[in-house]
Amino acid sequence: MTAQTDTSGSVTAVYKVNGMTCGHCEGAVREELSQLSGVDSVQAVAASGEVTVVSTAPLDEEAVRAAVDEAGYELVGRA
């Protein structure tokens, strides 16, 4: 999936993350990604391993990867 821009100018991207198993995992990933410049919201779902990020501009995938790594998980790529 590519990043999608909605009518408000926000960009939504969905990423696949390995290793999340619970709410604590979701919170750790959400916290790290929320610190990236331009991120408006993050929704992490352990059951599916998907993380949805809404930002003001497309995010650099390496920055996303570094944030997910910092949280202790593995970014597989775009969902």
Foldseek 3Di string as FASTA:
>chain_A
DDWDADPVQKTKFKWAKPDQDDPVLQVLLQVLVCPDPFWDGWGADSVRRMIMTIGNDDDDVVSSQVSNVVSPIGTPTTD
